[in-house]
Amino acid sequence: MTVLEKEASQGPKHRLQKQPRTRKQKQRLLSNIVLQFLAMVGIGLLLYPDAADWVNSLSHNAEISGYVKQVENTSPEERQHKLDVAYTYNDQLDPGPLTDPYLSEAEDAALGSDLYKAYEEMLRLNGTDAIGTVNYPGVDISLPIYHGTTNEVISKGAGHMYGTSLPIGGPSTRAVMTAHSGLPHAKLFTGLHKAEVGDTFWISVLGEDHYYQVRELETVLPNETDSLTIIDGEDWVTLFTCTPVGVNSHRLLVHAERIPAPENSGDQIIGGDGITAGFPWWLLIFIAGSALVAFVLFKPAKKKKKDTPKEVL
């Protein structure tokens, strides 16, 4: 029986059987798997800032939504009582020299004094650590506000600087809030570098929205806090962060004065939770990039066509 007759008798199943990989083919497959893994790690590292910020935006939105829900579940009488206590706190506030939180924490905060512990209870609601929200859509800022300016606080939201007025508005007040800029995992106050005079933002506390218009942008050295003083009879808020991003040698101060609520303010989402995380384009890019690398590395090699022998005449 000839070889062709033998193959024909064994049927098509035998002819379609895969031949075992050669040593060279195995080495090439292993090399391609390693290259695929390294490519996915590289793409992931490039997209990490966007991915981490997207996840943090979800966390911020959840915190804001949780705060808004707790405010809605609190009776008007209890809310008013908390506001009255906060107004009294602001009236009796005797601001001393302010300490730059990026250099050192305020002494009372670090020591956990009774005065600081009492401050931490101001505006607090059960079920949330937030005491309000700051919403500056023009520069993509929508963050919960927390007591104090410890590194933990200003790495997850806006920290209210102890020793300044609580952010509830009113004459002869200046609330100061800060957050990190340029973190690889969250934008936080990075957008503050795009602030312009005339911009409007608002702060929401216990169901009340207070609107402010930016009057001045100032860059100062750390511990230059003269411009953070209270102006008699006026209502101001200062937002600040480190600048330049990554260098952090100076502080960018955004000073804003209280204005009446705009006519369309009723159209705003309660609590200012109007900035969404958006579509996760980073995930789409990661999948598409990984798939493209896999196609290039693992696409089947084209089989060479065998030359058909010419017929001998």
Protein backbone atom coordinates (compact mmCIF):
# COMPACT_ATOMS: atom_id res chain seq x y z
CA MET A 1 0.00 0.00 0.00
CA THR A 2 1.41 3.42 -0.99
CA VAL A 3 1.71 6.36 1.44
CA LEU A 4 -1.20 8.16 -0.25
CA GLU A 5 -3.39 5.08 -0.05
CA LYS A 6 -2.49 4.68 3.65
CA GLU A 7 -3.46 8.32 4.46
CA ALA A 8 -6.67 7.96 2.49
CA SER A 9 -7.62 4.81 4.39
CA GLN A 10 -7.06 6.57 7.78
CA GLY A 11 -9.53 9.29 6.82
CA PRO A 12 -9.56 13.13 7.13
CA LYS A 13 -9.28 13.05 10.98
CA HIS A 14 -5.73 11.77 10.77
CA ARG A 15 -4.74 14.37 8.18
CA LEU A 16 -6.11 17.24 10.35
CA GLN A 17 -4.26 16.16 13.50
CA LYS A 18 -1.95 18.92 14.81
CA GLN A 19 1.69 18.20 14.69
CA PRO A 20 3.47 18.68 18.05
CA ARG A 21 5.18 22.08 18.44
CA THR A 22 8.87 22.17 17.88
CA ARG A 23 11.22 23.56 20.52
CA LYS A 24 11.63 26.73 18.48
CA GLN A 25 7.85 27.21 18.29
CA LYS A 26 7.49 26.74 22.04
CA GLN A 27 10.18 29.33 22.72
CA ARG A 28 8.50 31.78 20.37
CA LEU A 29 5.11 31.26 22.07
CA LEU A 30 6.62 31.84 25.52
CA SER A 31 8.39 34.96 24.26
CA ASN A 32 5.12 36.31 22.81
CA ILE A 33 3.25 35.68 26.09
CA VAL A 34 5.92 37.63 27.99
CA LEU A 35 5.77 40.46 25.43
CA GLN A 36 1.96 40.54 25.69
CA PHE A 37 2.15 40.79 29.48
CA LEU A 38 4.74 43.58 29.35
CA ALA A 39 2.70 45.47 26.76
CA MET A 40 -0.44 45.28 28.95
CA VAL A 41 1.55 46.48 31.98
CA GLY A 42 2.94 49.37 29.95
CA ILE A 43 -0.48 50.39 28.65
CA GLY A 44 -1.87 50.08 32.17
CA LEU A 45 0.83 52.38 33.59
CA LEU A 46 0.15 54.99 30.92
CA LEU A 47 -3.59 54.91 31.64
CA TYR A 48 -3.29 54.62 35.44
CA PRO A 49 -3.81 58.35 36.22
CA ASP A 50 -7.04 58.45 34.19
CA ALA A 51 -8.28 55.15 35.60
CA ALA A 52 -7.49 56.08 39.21
CA ASP A 53 -9.09 59.51 38.86
CA TRP A 54 -12.21 57.89 37.35
CA VAL A 55 -12.46 55.53 40.34
CA ASN A 56 -11.91 58.44 42.75
CA SER A 57 -14.62 60.45 40.98
CA LEU A 58 -17.03 57.61 41.62
CA SER A 59 -15.98 57.66 45.27
CA HIS A 60 -16.44 61.44 45.52
CA ASN A 61 -19.86 61.24 43.89
CA ALA A 62 -20.87 58.45 46.25
CA GLU A 63 -19.68 60.50 49.26
CA ILE A 64 -21.56 63.58 48.04
CA SER A 65 -24.70 61.57 47.34
CA GLY A 66 -24.45 59.99 50.78
CA TYR A 67 -24.06 63.41 52.38
CA VAL A 68 -27.07 64.79 50.50
CA LYS A 69 -29.16 61.80 51.58
CA GLN A 70 -28.15 62.31 55.23
CA VAL A 71 -29.10 65.99 54.97
CA GLU A 72 -32.50 65.04 53.55
CA ASN A 73 -33.01 62.55 56.39
CA THR A 74 -32.22 65.19 59.03
CA SER A 75 -35.14 67.22 60.30
CA PRO A 76 -35.20 70.97 59.51
CA GLU A 77 -35.12 71.71 63.24
CA GLU A 78 -31.93 69.69 63.79
CA ARG A 79 -30.28 71.21 60.76
CA GLN A 80 -31.09 74.70 61.97
CA HIS A 81 -29.73 73.88 65.42
CA LYS A 82 -26.42 72.73 63.92
CA LEU A 83 -26.24 75.88 61.82
CA ASP A 84 -26.95 78.07 64.85
CA VAL A 85 -24.12 76.39 66.78
CA ALA A 86 -21.82 76.94 63.78
CA TYR A 87 -22.84 80.62 63.55
CA THR A 88 -21.98 81.05 67.23
CA TYR A 89 -18.62 79.36 66.62
CA ASN A 90 -17.85 81.79 63.79
CA ASP A 91 -18.93 84.82 65.86
CA GLN A 92 -16.62 83.80 68.69
CA LEU A 93 -13.73 82.78 66.44
CA ASP A 94 -10.50 84.60 67.20
CA PRO A 95 -8.21 83.59 64.33
CA GLY A 96 -4.58 83.44 65.27
CA PRO A 97 -1.62 82.87 62.96
CA LEU A 98 -2.49 80.16 60.41
CA THR A 99 -0.06 77.34 59.72
CA ASP A 100 0.50 75.98 56.22
CA PRO A 101 -0.93 72.41 56.37
CA TYR A 102 1.54 71.20 53.74
CA LEU A 103 4.43 72.00 56.07
CA SER A 104 2.95 71.04 59.43
CA GLU A 105 -0.41 70.34 60.99
CA ALA A 106 -2.05 72.86 63.30
CA GLU A 107 -0.83 72.30 66.87
CA ASP A 108 -4.30 71.82 68.34
CA ALA A 109 -5.16 69.29 65.64
CA ALA A 110 -1.93 67.37 66.18
CA LEU A 111 -2.38 67.28 69.94
CA GLY A 112 -6.07 66.40 69.75
CA SER A 113 -7.07 69.13 72.19
CA ASP A 114 -10.61 69.41 73.57
CA LEU A 115 -11.09 72.55 71.49
CA TYR A 116 -10.22 70.71 68.30
CA LYS A 117 -12.44 67.77 69.23
CA ALA A 118 -15.33 70.21 69.73
CA TYR A 119 -14.57 71.69 66.30
CA GLU A 120 -14.76 68.23 64.75
CA GLU A 121 -18.36 67.89 65.95
CA MET A 122 -19.50 71.08 64.21
CA LEU A 123 -21.91 70.48 61.28
CA ARG A 124 -21.44 66.71 61.64
CA LEU A 125 -24.23 64.33 60.63
CA ASN A 126 -24.51 60.65 61.49
CA GLY A 127 -23.47 58.32 58.69
CA THR A 128 -21.01 60.63 56.94
CA ASP A 129 -17.69 62.35 57.63
CA ALA A 130 -18.43 65.13 55.14
CA ILE A 131 -19.61 68.51 56.42
CA GLY A 132 -20.53 69.92 53.01
CA THR A 133 -19.53 70.06 49.36
CA VAL A 134 -17.59 72.49 47.19
CA ASN A 135 -18.66 72.68 43.56
CA TYR A 136 -16.66 74.57 40.93
CA PRO A 137 -17.84 73.19 37.56
CA GLY A 138 -15.73 75.62 35.54
CA VAL A 139 -12.56 73.81 36.63
CA ASP A 140 -14.05 70.33 37.13
CA ILE A 141 -14.06 70.37 40.93
CA SER A 142 -16.84 68.65 42.86
CA LEU A 143 -15.63 67.42 46.23
CA PRO A 144 -16.88 66.65 49.72
CA ILE A 145 -15.59 68.94 52.47
CA TYR A 146 -14.11 67.47 55.65
CA HIS A 147 -12.86 68.84 58.95
CA GLY A 148 -9.16 69.64 59.12
CA THR A 149 -6.28 69.54 56.70
CA THR A 150 -4.39 66.36 57.59
CA ASN A 151 -2.72 64.62 54.68
CA GLU A 152 -5.36 61.88 54.78
CA VAL A 153 -8.14 64.47 54.42
CA ILE A 154 -6.64 66.59 51.63
CA SER A 155 -5.78 63.42 49.69
CA LYS A 156 -9.46 62.42 49.42
CA GLY A 157 -11.37 65.71 49.35
CA ALA A 158 -11.38 69.36 50.37
CA GLY A 159 -10.13 70.02 53.89
CA HIS A 160 -11.45 72.94 55.92
CA MET A 161 -8.58 74.78 57.58
CA TYR A 162 -8.96 74.78 61.34
CA GLY A 163 -8.81 78.33 62.70
CA THR A 164 -10.85 79.82 59.85
CA SER A 165 -14.60 80.38 59.65
CA LEU A 166 -16.82 77.36 59.10
CA PRO A 167 -18.13 77.37 55.49
CA ILE A 168 -21.70 78.46 56.31
CA GLY A 169 -21.50 82.05 55.07
CA GLY A 170 -22.37 85.19 56.96
CA PRO A 171 -20.84 88.63 57.52
CA SER A 172 -17.27 88.88 58.79
CA THR A 173 -16.30 85.35 57.77
CA ARG A 174 -13.64 83.74 55.60
CA ALA A 175 -13.64 79.98 55.18
CA VAL A 176 -10.42 78.49 53.83
CA MET A 177 -10.29 75.10 52.11
CA THR A 178 -7.50 73.15 50.49
CA ALA A 179 -6.72 69.87 48.72
CA HIS A 180 -3.77 68.31 46.95
CA SER A 181 -2.96 68.90 43.27
CA GLY A 182 -1.27 66.64 40.76
CA LEU A 183 -1.66 63.37 42.63
CA PRO A 184 -1.28 60.38 40.28
CA HIS A 185 -4.52 58.83 41.56
CA ALA A 186 -6.81 61.90 41.86
CA LYS A 187 -7.14 65.42 40.44
CA LEU A 188 -8.72 66.98 43.56
CA PHE A 189 -7.74 70.70 43.34
CA THR A 190 -5.55 70.33 40.23
CA GLY A 191 -8.21 72.19 38.22
CA LEU A 192 -7.82 75.21 40.48
CA HIS A 193 -4.87 76.23 38.29
CA LYS A 194 -7.42 77.01 35.54
CA ALA A 195 -9.41 79.39 37.78
CA GLU A 196 -10.12 82.87 36.43
CA VAL A 197 -11.37 86.07 37.99
CA GLY A 198 -15.14 86.20 37.52
CA ASP A 199 -15.69 82.43 37.88
CA THR A 200 -18.54 81.33 40.13
CA PHE A 201 -18.64 78.33 42.46
CA TRP A 202 -20.83 77.33 45.36
CA ILE A 203 -20.60 75.60 48.70
CA SER A 204 -23.44 73.46 50.04
CA VAL A 205 -23.82 72.85 53.77
CA LEU A 206 -26.86 71.27 55.43
CA GLY A 207 -29.06 71.93 52.41
CA GLU A 208 -28.03 75.58 51.98
CA ASP A 209 -26.13 76.72 48.86
CA HIS A 210 -23.78 79.72 49.13
CA TYR A 211 -22.47 81.24 45.88
CA TYR A 212 -19.10 82.94 45.49
CA GLN A 213 -17.42 84.81 42.66
CA VAL A 214 -13.65 84.78 42.22
CA ARG A 215 -12.22 88.27 42.80
CA GLU A 216 -8.48 87.62 42.96
CA LEU A 217 -5.85 84.99 42.17
CA GLU A 218 -2.68 85.10 44.23
CA THR A 219 0.54 83.09 44.34
CA VAL A 220 2.43 83.26 47.63
CA LEU A 221 5.17 81.49 49.51
CA PRO A 222 4.22 78.91 52.16
CA ASN A 223 3.12 80.48 55.45
CA GLU A 224 2.33 83.83 53.78
CA THR A 225 -1.20 83.98 55.14
CA ASP A 226 -1.83 87.74 55.43
CA SER A 227 -4.50 87.60 52.71
CA LEU A 228 -6.51 84.99 54.64
CA THR A 229 -7.68 87.48 57.25
CA ILE A 230 -11.37 88.20 57.79
CA ILE A 231 -12.72 91.44 56.27
CA ASP A 232 -15.18 93.13 58.61
CA GLY A 233 -18.77 92.73 57.43
CA GLU A 234 -17.86 90.71 54.30
CA ASP A 235 -18.27 87.03 53.39
CA TRP A 236 -15.30 85.44 51.64
CA VAL A 237 -14.03 81.95 50.80
CA THR A 238 -10.47 81.09 49.80
CA LEU A 239 -9.57 77.88 47.98
CA PHE A 240 -5.88 77.06 47.77
CA THR A 241 -3.43 74.38 46.72
CA CYS A 242 0.24 73.86 45.98
CA THR A 243 1.78 75.30 42.82
CA PRO A 244 3.48 74.67 40.42
CA VAL A 245 2.16 71.12 40.17
CA GLY A 246 4.90 68.68 41.09
CA VAL A 247 7.19 71.42 42.41
CA ASN A 248 4.93 72.71 45.22
CA SER A 249 7.20 75.60 46.16
CA HIS A 250 4.34 78.13 46.34
CA ARG A 251 0.64 78.29 47.12
CA LEU A 252 -2.11 79.30 44.69
CA LEU A 253 -4.87 81.22 46.49
CA VAL A 254 -8.27 81.73 44.87
CA HIS A 255 -10.18 84.43 46.77
CA ALA A 256 -13.93 84.64 46.20
CA GLU A 257 -16.65 86.91 47.59
CA ARG A 258 -20.25 85.94 48.37
CA ILE A 259 -22.82 86.87 45.71
CA PRO A 260 -26.59 86.39 45.47
CA ALA A 261 -27.72 83.04 44.08
CA PRO A 262 -27.92 83.14 40.26
CA GLU A 263 -31.38 83.00 38.68
CA ASN A 264 -30.80 79.48 37.34
CA SER A 265 -29.41 78.17 40.65
CA GLY A 266 -32.59 76.15 41.21
CA ASP A 267 -31.65 74.03 38.20
CA GLN A 268 -28.50 72.75 39.93
CA ILE A 269 -28.50 69.17 41.16
CA ILE A 270 -28.99 69.04 44.94
CA GLY A 271 -25.65 69.11 46.70
CA GLY A 272 -23.86 70.11 43.51
CA ASP A 273 -23.24 66.53 42.43
CA GLY A 274 -23.33 67.60 38.80
CA ILE A 275 -19.87 66.45 37.69
CA THR A 276 -20.00 62.80 36.69
CA ALA A 277 -17.14 60.37 36.35
CA GLY A 278 -17.88 60.08 32.63
CA PHE A 279 -17.37 57.13 30.32
CA PRO A 280 -14.28 55.03 31.15
CA TRP A 281 -12.45 55.63 27.87
CA TRP A 282 -9.26 54.47 29.57
CA LEU A 283 -10.75 50.96 29.81
CA LEU A 284 -11.71 50.95 26.14
CA ILE A 285 -8.20 52.08 25.17
CA PHE A 286 -6.65 49.41 27.40
CA ILE A 287 -8.75 46.63 25.86
CA ALA A 288 -8.20 47.85 22.29
CA GLY A 289 -4.46 48.32 22.80
CA SER A 290 -4.06 44.89 24.40
CA ALA A 291 -6.08 43.25 21.63
CA LEU A 292 -3.98 44.93 18.95
CA VAL A 293 -0.73 43.72 20.53
CA ALA A 294 -2.17 40.20 20.84
CA PHE A 295 -3.19 40.23 17.17
CA VAL A 296 0.30 41.26 16.07
CA LEU A 297 2.03 38.71 18.30
CA PHE A 298 -0.25 35.70 17.87
CA LYS A 299 -1.67 35.99 14.36
CA PRO A 300 -1.12 32.75 12.42
CA ALA A 301 1.81 32.78 10.06
CA LYS A 302 0.89 32.64 6.41
CA LYS A 303 1.60 29.28 4.83
CA LYS A 304 3.91 29.40 1.88
CA LYS A 305 2.37 28.11 -1.32
CA LYS A 306 4.22 25.12 -2.71
CA ASP A 307 5.30 25.45 -6.30
CA THR A 308 3.42 22.99 -8.49
CA PRO A 309 5.73 21.04 -10.78
CA LYS A 310 5.34 21.90 -14.41
CA GLU A 311 4.01 19.18 -16.60
CA VAL A 312 6.57 17.60 -18.81
CA LEU A 313 5.38 17.63 -22.37
